[in-house]
Amino acid sequence: MSTKKNEKSSQVRIAVTDVSSELSFECPSTPAEIKSAVTAALAGNTPLILTDIRGHEIVVPAAKIGYIEIGEPVERRVGFGAN
């Protein structure tokens, strides 16, 4: 099983109501695809189902979504190079 990060992956953070911590994971979908899935789940009051880069499914009931933050993953720099 490969856990190598995909070029088009997105960082996703989901706040669930009545839960103190948030869900944070990397999703192989583009931000536009994630936004479309969120919009469909909220409009239809159906669960939001996303898959992380390792193939695990994350299911959140639409009524429990507090907010969703979608962003591009930041490349980590290693070493002492100048910016």
PDB file of N, CA and C in Angstrom:
ATOM      1  N   MET A   1       0.849  -1.174   0.000  1.00  0.00           N
ATOM      2  CA  MET A   1       0.000   0.000   0.000  1.00  0.00           C
ATOM      3  C   MET A   1       0.890   1.231   0.000  1.00  0.00           C
ATOM      4  N   SER A   2       0.668   2.099  -0.948  1.00  0.00           N
ATOM      5  CA  SER A   2       1.487   3.301  -1.078  1.00  0.00           C
ATOM      6  C   SER A   2       0.841   4.462  -0.330  1.00  0.00           C
ATOM      7  N   THR A   3       1.644   5.212   0.398  1.00  0.00           N
ATOM      8  CA  THR A   3       1.142   6.395   1.096  1.00  0.00           C
ATOM      9  C   THR A   3       1.805   7.643   0.548  1.00  0.00           C
ATOM     10  N   LYS A   4       2.394   7.535  -0.640  1.00  0.00           N
ATOM     11  CA  LYS A   4       3.060   8.679  -1.248  1.00  0.00           C
ATOM     12  C   LYS A   4       2.028   9.742  -1.604  1.00  0.00           C
ATOM     13  N   LYS A   5       2.351  10.994  -1.310  1.00  0.00           N
ATOM     14  CA  LYS A   5       1.427  12.084  -1.558  1.00  0.00           C
ATOM     15  C   LYS A   5       1.256  12.315  -3.050  1.00  0.00           C
ATOM     16  N   ASN A   6       0.025  12.549  -3.440  1.00  0.00           N
ATOM     17  CA  ASN A   6      -0.310  12.797  -4.823  1.00  0.00           C
ATOM     18  C   ASN A   6      -0.117  14.277  -5.136  1.00  0.00           C
ATOM     19  N   GLU A   7       0.175  14.589  -6.389  1.00  0.00           N
ATOM     20  CA  GLU A   7       0.410  15.969  -6.791  1.00  0.00           C
ATOM     21  C   GLU A   7      -0.842  16.824  -6.632  1.00  0.00           C
ATOM     22  N   LYS A   8      -2.028  16.251  -6.862  1.00  0.00           N
ATOM     23  CA  LYS A   8      -3.249  17.048  -6.815  1.00  0.00           C
ATOM     24  C   LYS A   8      -4.009  16.896  -5.501  1.00  0.00           C
ATOM     25  N   SER A   9      -3.397  16.379  -4.466  1.00  0.00           N
ATOM     26  CA  SER A   9      -4.102  16.169  -3.210  1.00  0.00           C
ATOM     27  C   SER A   9      -4.384  17.490  -2.509  1.00  0.00           C
ATOM     28  N   SER A  10      -5.363  17.462  -1.621  1.00  0.00           N
ATOM     29  CA  SER A  10      -5.782  18.648  -0.883  1.00  0.00           C
ATOM     30  C   SER A  10      -5.819  18.345   0.607  1.00  0.00           C
ATOM     31  N   GLN A  11      -5.480  19.322   1.406  1.00  0.00           N
ATOM     32  CA  GLN A  11      -5.581  19.203   2.858  1.00  0.00           C
ATOM     33  C   GLN A  11      -7.000  19.604   3.254  1.00  0.00           C
ATOM     34  N   VAL A  12      -7.671  18.770   4.052  1.00  0.00           N
ATOM     35  CA  VAL A  12      -9.057  19.014   4.455  1.00  0.00           C
ATOM     36  C   VAL A  12      -9.152  18.997   5.970  1.00  0.00           C
ATOM     37  N   ARG A  13      -9.860  19.996   6.513  1.00  0.00           N
ATOM     38  CA  ARG A  13     -10.164  20.033   7.955  1.00  0.00           C
ATOM     39  C   ARG A  13     -11.666  20.204   8.100  1.00  0.00           C
ATOM     40  N   ILE A  14     -12.276  19.317   8.892  1.00  0.00           N
ATOM     41  CA  ILE A  14     -13.722  19.353   9.098  1.00  0.00           C
ATOM     42  C   ILE A  14     -14.000  19.475  10.588  1.00  0.00           C
ATOM     43  N   ALA A  15     -14.764  20.496  10.947  1.00  0.00           N
ATOM     44  CA  ALA A  15     -15.215  20.648  12.329  1.00  0.00           C
ATOM     45  C   ALA A  15     -16.587  19.994  12.439  1.00  0.00           C
ATOM     46  N   VAL A  16     -16.730  19.111  13.412  1.00  0.00           N
ATOM     47  CA  VAL A  16     -17.994  18.417  13.646  1.00  0.00           C
ATOM     48  C   VAL A  16     -18.616  19.021  14.899  1.00  0.00           C
ATOM     49  N   THR A  17     -19.902  19.374  14.809  1.00  0.00           N
ATOM     50  CA  THR A  17     -20.565  19.987  15.954  1.00  0.00           C
ATOM     51  C   THR A  17     -20.606  19.024  17.129  1.00  0.00           C
ATOM     52  N   ASP A  18     -20.505  19.550  18.323  1.00  0.00           N
ATOM     53  CA  ASP A  18     -20.518  18.801  19.578  1.00  0.00           C
ATOM     54  C   ASP A  18     -19.294  17.901  19.768  1.00  0.00           C
ATOM     55  N   VAL A  19     -18.236  18.120  18.983  1.00  0.00           N
ATOM     56  CA  VAL A  19     -16.981  17.381  19.110  1.00  0.00           C
ATOM     57  C   VAL A  19     -15.868  18.411  19.250  1.00  0.00           C
ATOM     58  N   SER A  20     -15.009  18.250  20.255  1.00  0.00           N
ATOM     59  CA  SER A  20     -14.003  19.275  20.534  1.00  0.00           C
ATOM     60  C   SER A  20     -12.852  19.305  19.533  1.00  0.00           C
ATOM     61  N   SER A  21     -12.530  18.182  18.927  1.00  0.00           N
ATOM     62  CA  SER A  21     -11.430  18.174  17.955  1.00  0.00           C
ATOM     63  C   SER A  21     -12.004  18.140  16.541  1.00  0.00           C
ATOM     64  N   GLU A  22     -11.151  18.457  15.570  1.00  0.00           N
ATOM     65  CA  GLU A  22     -11.598  18.448  14.188  1.00  0.00           C
ATOM     66  C   GLU A  22     -10.919  17.318  13.424  1.00  0.00           C
ATOM     67  N   LEU A  23     -11.504  16.930  12.321  1.00  0.00           N
ATOM     68  CA  LEU A  23     -10.925  15.916  11.448  1.00  0.00           C
ATOM     69  C   LEU A  23      -9.968  16.613  10.494  1.00  0.00           C
ATOM     70  N   SER A  24      -8.766  16.117  10.382  1.00  0.00           N
ATOM     71  CA  SER A  24      -7.779  16.695   9.485  1.00  0.00           C
ATOM     72  C   SER A  24      -7.116  15.561   8.719  1.00  0.00           C
ATOM     73  N   PHE A  25      -7.164  15.645   7.394  1.00  0.00           N
ATOM     74  CA  PHE A  25      -6.600  14.589   6.560  1.00  0.00           C
ATOM     75  C   PHE A  25      -6.284  15.131   5.181  1.00  0.00           C
ATOM     76  N   GLU A  26      -5.513  14.357   4.423  1.00  0.00           N
ATOM     77  CA  GLU A  26      -5.174  14.723   3.063  1.00  0.00           C
ATOM     78  C   GLU A  26      -6.025  13.884   2.121  1.00  0.00           C
ATOM     79  N   CYS A  27      -6.659  14.548   1.185  1.00  0.00           N
ATOM     80  CA  CYS A  27      -7.590  13.912   0.270  1.00  0.00           C
ATOM     81  C   CYS A  27      -7.020  13.958  -1.153  1.00  0.00           C
ATOM     82  N   PRO A  28      -7.103  12.865  -1.910  1.00  0.00           N
ATOM     83  CA  PRO A  28      -6.550  12.866  -3.261  1.00  0.00           C
ATOM     84  C   PRO A  28      -7.368  13.676  -4.260  1.00  0.00           C
ATOM     85  N   SER A  29      -8.532  14.163  -3.868  1.00  0.00           N
ATOM     86  CA  SER A  29      -9.385  14.959  -4.757  1.00  0.00           C
ATOM     87  C   SER A  29      -8.922  16.401  -4.824  1.00  0.00           C
ATOM     88  N   THR A  30      -9.329  17.098  -5.866  1.00  0.00           N
ATOM     89  CA  THR A  30      -9.020  18.517  -6.013  1.00  0.00           C
ATOM     90  C   THR A  30      -9.951  19.326  -5.117  1.00  0.00           C
ATOM     91  N   PRO A  31      -9.588  20.564  -4.788  1.00  0.00           N
ATOM     92  CA  PRO A  31     -10.493  21.398  -3.989  1.00  0.00           C
ATOM     93  C   PRO A  31     -11.876  21.561  -4.625  1.00  0.00           C
ATOM     94  N   ALA A  32     -11.943  21.645  -5.952  1.00  0.00           N
ATOM     95  CA  ALA A  32     -13.233  21.784  -6.629  1.00  0.00           C
ATOM     96  C   ALA A  32     -14.092  20.534  -6.445  1.00  0.00           C
ATOM     97  N   GLU A  33     -13.482  19.355  -6.503  1.00  0.00           N
ATOM     98  CA  GLU A  33     -14.225  18.104  -6.311  1.00  0.00           C
ATOM     99  C   GLU A  33     -14.735  17.989  -4.873  1.00  0.00           C
ATOM    100  N   ILE A  34     -13.920  18.406  -3.925  1.00  0.00           N
ATOM    101  CA  ILE A  34     -14.325  18.362  -2.510  1.00  0.00           C
ATOM    102  C   ILE A  34     -15.465  19.333  -2.263  1.00  0.00           C
ATOM    103  N   LYS A  35     -15.339  20.539  -2.804  1.00  0.00           N
ATOM    104  CA  LYS A  35     -16.388  21.552  -2.626  1.00  0.00           C
ATOM    105  C   LYS A  35     -17.707  21.067  -3.229  1.00  0.00           C
ATOM    106  N   SER A  36     -17.649  20.393  -4.364  1.00  0.00           N
ATOM    107  CA  SER A  36     -18.844  19.856  -5.004  1.00  0.00           C
ATOM    108  C   SER A  36     -19.488  18.784  -4.121  1.00  0.00           C
ATOM    109  N   ALA A  37     -18.680  17.902  -3.530  1.00  0.00           N
ATOM    110  CA  ALA A  37     -19.206  16.854  -2.650  1.00  0.00           C
ATOM    111  C   ALA A  37     -19.847  17.455  -1.402  1.00  0.00           C
ATOM    112  N   VAL A  38     -19.215  18.498  -0.848  1.00  0.00           N
ATOM    113  CA  VAL A  38     -19.757  19.167   0.341  1.00  0.00           C
ATOM    114  C   VAL A  38     -21.082  19.844   0.005  1.00  0.00           C
ATOM    115  N   THR A  39     -21.134  20.543  -1.109  1.00  0.00           N
ATOM    116  CA  THR A  39     -22.350  21.236  -1.528  1.00  0.00           C
ATOM    117  C   THR A  39     -23.495  20.248  -1.738  1.00  0.00           C
ATOM    118  N   ALA A  40     -23.206  19.120  -2.379  1.00  0.00           N
ATOM    119  CA  ALA A  40     -24.240  18.097  -2.611  1.00  0.00           C
ATOM    120  C   ALA A  40     -24.728  17.498  -1.297  1.00  0.00           C
ATOM    121  N   ALA A  41     -23.813  17.247  -0.367  1.00  0.00           N
ATOM    122  CA  ALA A  41     -24.201  16.676   0.930  1.00  0.00           C
ATOM    123  C   ALA A  41     -25.071  17.645   1.715  1.00  0.00           C
ATOM    124  N   LEU A  42     -24.702  18.915   1.717  1.00  0.00           N
ATOM    125  CA  LEU A  42     -25.486  19.907   2.454  1.00  0.00           C
ATOM    126  C   LEU A  42     -26.846  20.141   1.806  1.00  0.00           C
ATOM    127  N   ALA A  43     -26.885  20.195   0.479  1.00  0.00           N
ATOM    128  CA  ALA A  43     -28.154  20.429  -0.223  1.00  0.00           C
ATOM    129  C   ALA A  43     -29.121  19.258  -0.045  1.00  0.00           C
ATOM    130  N   GLY A  44     -28.601  18.049  -0.066  1.00  0.00           N
ATOM    131  CA  GLY A  44     -29.452  16.870   0.054  1.00  0.00           C
ATOM    132  C   GLY A  44     -29.604  16.347   1.465  1.00  0.00           C
ATOM    133  N   ASN A  45     -28.925  17.003   2.416  1.00  0.00           N
ATOM    134  CA  ASN A  45     -28.915  16.552   3.810  1.00  0.00           C
ATOM    135  C   ASN A  45     -28.524  15.073   3.908  1.00  0.00           C
ATOM    136  N   THR A  46     -27.505  14.711   3.118  1.00  0.00           N
ATOM    137  CA  THR A  46     -26.973  13.346   3.106  1.00  0.00           C
ATOM    138  C   THR A  46     -25.563  13.370   3.688  1.00  0.00           C
ATOM    139  N   PRO A  47     -25.052  12.253   4.133  1.00  0.00           N
ATOM    140  CA  PRO A  47     -23.704  12.236   4.709  1.00  0.00           C
ATOM    141  C   PRO A  47     -22.640  12.647   3.688  1.00  0.00           C
ATOM    142  N   LEU A  48     -21.650  13.372   4.164  1.00  0.00           N
ATOM    143  CA  LEU A  48     -20.488  13.724   3.353  1.00  0.00           C
ATOM    144  C   LEU A  48     -19.513  12.557   3.444  1.00  0.00           C
ATOM    145  N   ILE A  49     -19.132  12.011   2.309  1.00  0.00           N
ATOM    146  CA  ILE A  49     -18.208  10.884   2.273  1.00  0.00           C
ATOM    147  C   ILE A  49     -16.996  11.274   1.453  1.00  0.00           C
ATOM    148  N   LEU A  50     -15.838  11.316   2.115  1.00  0.00           N
ATOM    149  CA  LEU A  50     -14.572  11.618   1.443  1.00  0.00           C
ATOM    150  C   LEU A  50     -13.593  10.489   1.743  1.00  0.00           C
ATOM    151  N   THR A  51     -12.619  10.311   0.875  1.00  0.00           N
ATOM    152  CA  THR A  51     -11.596   9.283   1.049  1.00  0.00           C
ATOM    153  C   THR A  51     -10.245   9.947   1.209  1.00  0.00           C
ATOM    154  N   ASP A  52      -9.437   9.501   2.192  1.00  0.00           N
ATOM    155  CA  ASP A  52      -8.115  10.086   2.377  1.00  0.00           C
ATOM    156  C   ASP A  52      -7.108   9.416   1.443  1.00  0.00           C
ATOM    157  N   ILE A  53      -5.849   9.871   1.482  1.00  0.00           N
ATOM    158  CA  ILE A  53      -4.838   9.365   0.554  1.00  0.00           C
ATOM    159  C   ILE A  53      -4.470   7.909   0.823  1.00  0.00           C
ATOM    160  N   ARG A  54      -4.855   7.378   1.963  1.00  0.00           N
ATOM    161  CA  ARG A  54      -4.569   5.974   2.291  1.00  0.00           C
ATOM    162  C   ARG A  54      -5.740   5.055   1.968  1.00  0.00           C
ATOM    163  N   GLY A  55      -6.836   5.631   1.457  1.00  0.00           N
ATOM    164  CA  GLY A  55      -7.994   4.832   1.087  1.00  0.00           C
ATOM    165  C   GLY A  55      -9.050   4.698   2.162  1.00  0.00           C
ATOM    166  N   HIS A  56      -8.886   5.360   3.302  1.00  0.00           N
ATOM    167  CA  HIS A  56      -9.889   5.301   4.374  1.00  0.00           C
ATOM    168  C   HIS A  56     -11.028   6.265   4.055  1.00  0.00           C
ATOM    169  N   GLU A  57     -12.255   5.828   4.296  1.00  0.00           N
ATOM    170  CA  GLU A  57     -13.412   6.688   4.078  1.00  0.00           C
ATOM    171  C   GLU A  57     -13.749   7.459   5.344  1.00  0.00           C
ATOM    172  N   ILE A  58     -14.029   8.741   5.177  1.00  0.00           N
ATOM    173  CA  ILE A  58     -14.462   9.605   6.276  1.00  0.00           C
ATOM    174  C   ILE A  58     -15.913   9.963   5.976  1.00  0.00           C
ATOM    175  N   VAL A  59     -16.811   9.649   6.901  1.00  0.00           N
ATOM    176  CA  VAL A  59     -18.240   9.900   6.720  1.00  0.00           C
ATOM    177  C   VAL A  59     -18.701  10.836   7.828  1.00  0.00           C
ATOM    178  N   VAL A  60     -19.276  11.973   7.438  1.00  0.00           N
ATOM    179  CA  VAL A  60     -19.770  12.952   8.403  1.00  0.00           C
ATOM    180  C   VAL A  60     -21.215  13.294   8.032  1.00  0.00           C
ATOM    181  N   PRO A  61     -22.147  13.166   8.974  1.00  0.00           N
ATOM    182  CA  PRO A  61     -23.527  13.562   8.680  1.00  0.00           C
ATOM    183  C   PRO A  61     -23.591  15.056   8.341  1.00  0.00           C
ATOM    184  N   ALA A  62     -24.347  15.407   7.323  1.00  0.00           N
ATOM    185  CA  ALA A  62     -24.428  16.808   6.883  1.00  0.00           C
ATOM    186  C   ALA A  62     -24.894  17.728   8.008  1.00  0.00           C
ATOM    187  N   ALA A  63     -25.791  17.259   8.848  1.00  0.00           N
ATOM    188  CA  ALA A  63     -26.320  18.080   9.932  1.00  0.00           C
ATOM    189  C   ALA A  63     -25.274  18.374  11.010  1.00  0.00           C
ATOM    190  N   LYS A  64     -24.185  17.610  11.047  1.00  0.00           N
ATOM    191  CA  LYS A  64     -23.155  17.783  12.078  1.00  0.00           C
ATOM    192  C   LYS A  64     -21.927  18.552  11.587  1.00  0.00           C
ATOM    193  N   ILE A  65     -21.937  18.998  10.331  1.00  0.00           N
ATOM    194  CA  ILE A  65     -20.786  19.738   9.799  1.00  0.00           C
ATOM    195  C   ILE A  65     -20.811  21.152  10.351  1.00  0.00           C
ATOM    196  N   GLY A  66     -19.733  21.535  11.060  1.00  0.00           N
ATOM    197  CA  GLY A  66     -19.602  22.898  11.569  1.00  0.00           C
ATOM    198  C   GLY A  66     -19.000  23.794  10.507  1.00  0.00           C
ATOM    199  N   TYR A  67     -17.832  23.411  10.005  1.00  0.00           N
ATOM    200  CA  TYR A  67     -17.204  24.093   8.875  1.00  0.00           C
ATOM    201  C   TYR A  67     -16.221  23.151   8.218  1.00  0.00           C
ATOM    202  N   ILE A  68     -15.847  23.485   7.000  1.00  0.00           N
ATOM    203  CA  ILE A  68     -14.866  22.705   6.260  1.00  0.00           C
ATOM    204  C   ILE A  68     -13.846  23.659   5.674  1.00  0.00           C
ATOM    205  N   GLU A  69     -12.579  23.336   5.892  1.00  0.00           N
ATOM    206  CA  GLU A  69     -11.489  24.134   5.343  1.00  0.00           C
ATOM    207  C   GLU A  69     -10.755  23.263   4.329  1.00  0.00           C
ATOM    208  N   ILE A  70     -10.626  23.774   3.112  1.00  0.00           N
ATOM    209  CA  ILE A  70      -9.972  23.037   2.033  1.00  0.00           C
ATOM    210  C   ILE A  70      -8.769  23.842   1.577  1.00  0.00           C
ATOM    211  N   GLY A  71      -7.624  23.192   1.497  1.00  0.00           N
ATOM    212  CA  GLY A  71      -6.424  23.885   1.052  1.00  0.00           C
ATOM    213  C   GLY A  71      -5.451  22.952   0.377  1.00  0.00           C
ATOM    214  N   GLU A  72      -4.483  23.545  -0.270  1.00  0.00           N
ATOM    215  CA  GLU A  72      -3.423  22.775  -0.906  1.00  0.00           C
ATOM    216  C   GLU A  72      -2.406  22.373   0.155  1.00  0.00           C
ATOM    217  N   PRO A  73      -1.851  21.177   0.075  1.00  0.00           N
ATOM    218  CA  PRO A  73      -0.830  20.775   1.055  1.00  0.00           C
ATOM    219  C   PRO A  73       0.443  21.600   0.865  1.00  0.00           C
ATOM    220  N   VAL A  74       1.091  21.914   1.955  1.00  0.00           N
ATOM    221  CA  VAL A  74       2.318  22.694   1.922  1.00  0.00           C
ATOM    222  C   VAL A  74       3.500  21.746   1.881  1.00  0.00           C
ATOM    223  N   GLU A  75       4.399  21.991   0.931  1.00  0.00           N
ATOM    224  CA  GLU A  75       5.603  21.170   0.847  1.00  0.00           C
ATOM    225  C   GLU A  75       6.524  21.518   2.002  1.00  0.00           C
ATOM    226  N   ARG A  76       7.030  20.517   2.687  1.00  0.00           N
ATOM    227  CA  ARG A  76       7.953  20.750   3.788  1.00  0.00           C
ATOM    228  C   ARG A  76       9.362  20.885   3.235  1.00  0.00           C
ATOM    229  N   ARG A  77      10.055  21.895   3.686  1.00  0.00           N
ATOM    230  CA  ARG A  77      11.438  22.091   3.274  1.00  0.00           C
ATOM    231  C   ARG A  77      12.359  21.475   4.308  1.00  0.00           C
ATOM    232  N   VAL A  78      13.398  20.862   3.823  1.00  0.00           N
ATOM    233  CA  VAL A  78      14.362  20.224   4.700  1.00  0.00           C
ATOM    234  C   VAL A  78      15.716  20.873   4.458  1.00  0.00           C
ATOM    235  N   GLY A  79      16.400  21.209   5.523  1.00  0.00           N
ATOM    236  CA  GLY A  79      17.726  21.791   5.379  1.00  0.00           C
ATOM    237  C   GLY A  79      17.785  23.247   5.795  1.00  0.00           C
ATOM    238  N   PHE A  80      18.897  23.850   5.474  1.00  0.00           N
ATOM    239  CA  PHE A  80      19.130  25.230   5.894  1.00  0.00           C
ATOM    240  C   PHE A  80      19.226  26.169   4.698  1.00  0.00           C
ATOM    241  N   GLY A  81      18.600  25.864   3.606  1.00  0.00           N
ATOM    242  CA  GLY A  81      18.662  26.694   2.403  1.00  0.00           C
ATOM    243  C   GLY A  81      17.954  28.020   2.590  1.00  0.00           C
ATOM    244  N   ALA A  82      18.364  29.027   1.829  1.00  0.00           N
ATOM    245  CA  ALA A  82      17.730  30.343   1.881  1.00  0.00           C
ATOM    246  C   ALA A  82      16.412  30.290   1.122  1.00  0.00           C
ATOM    247  N   ASN A  83      15.469  31.140   1.518  1.00  0.00           N
ATOM    248  CA  ASN A  83      14.155  31.195   0.870  1.00  0.00           C
ATOM    249  C   ASN A  83      14.245  31.724  -0.483  1.00  0.00           C
TER     250      ASN A  83
END
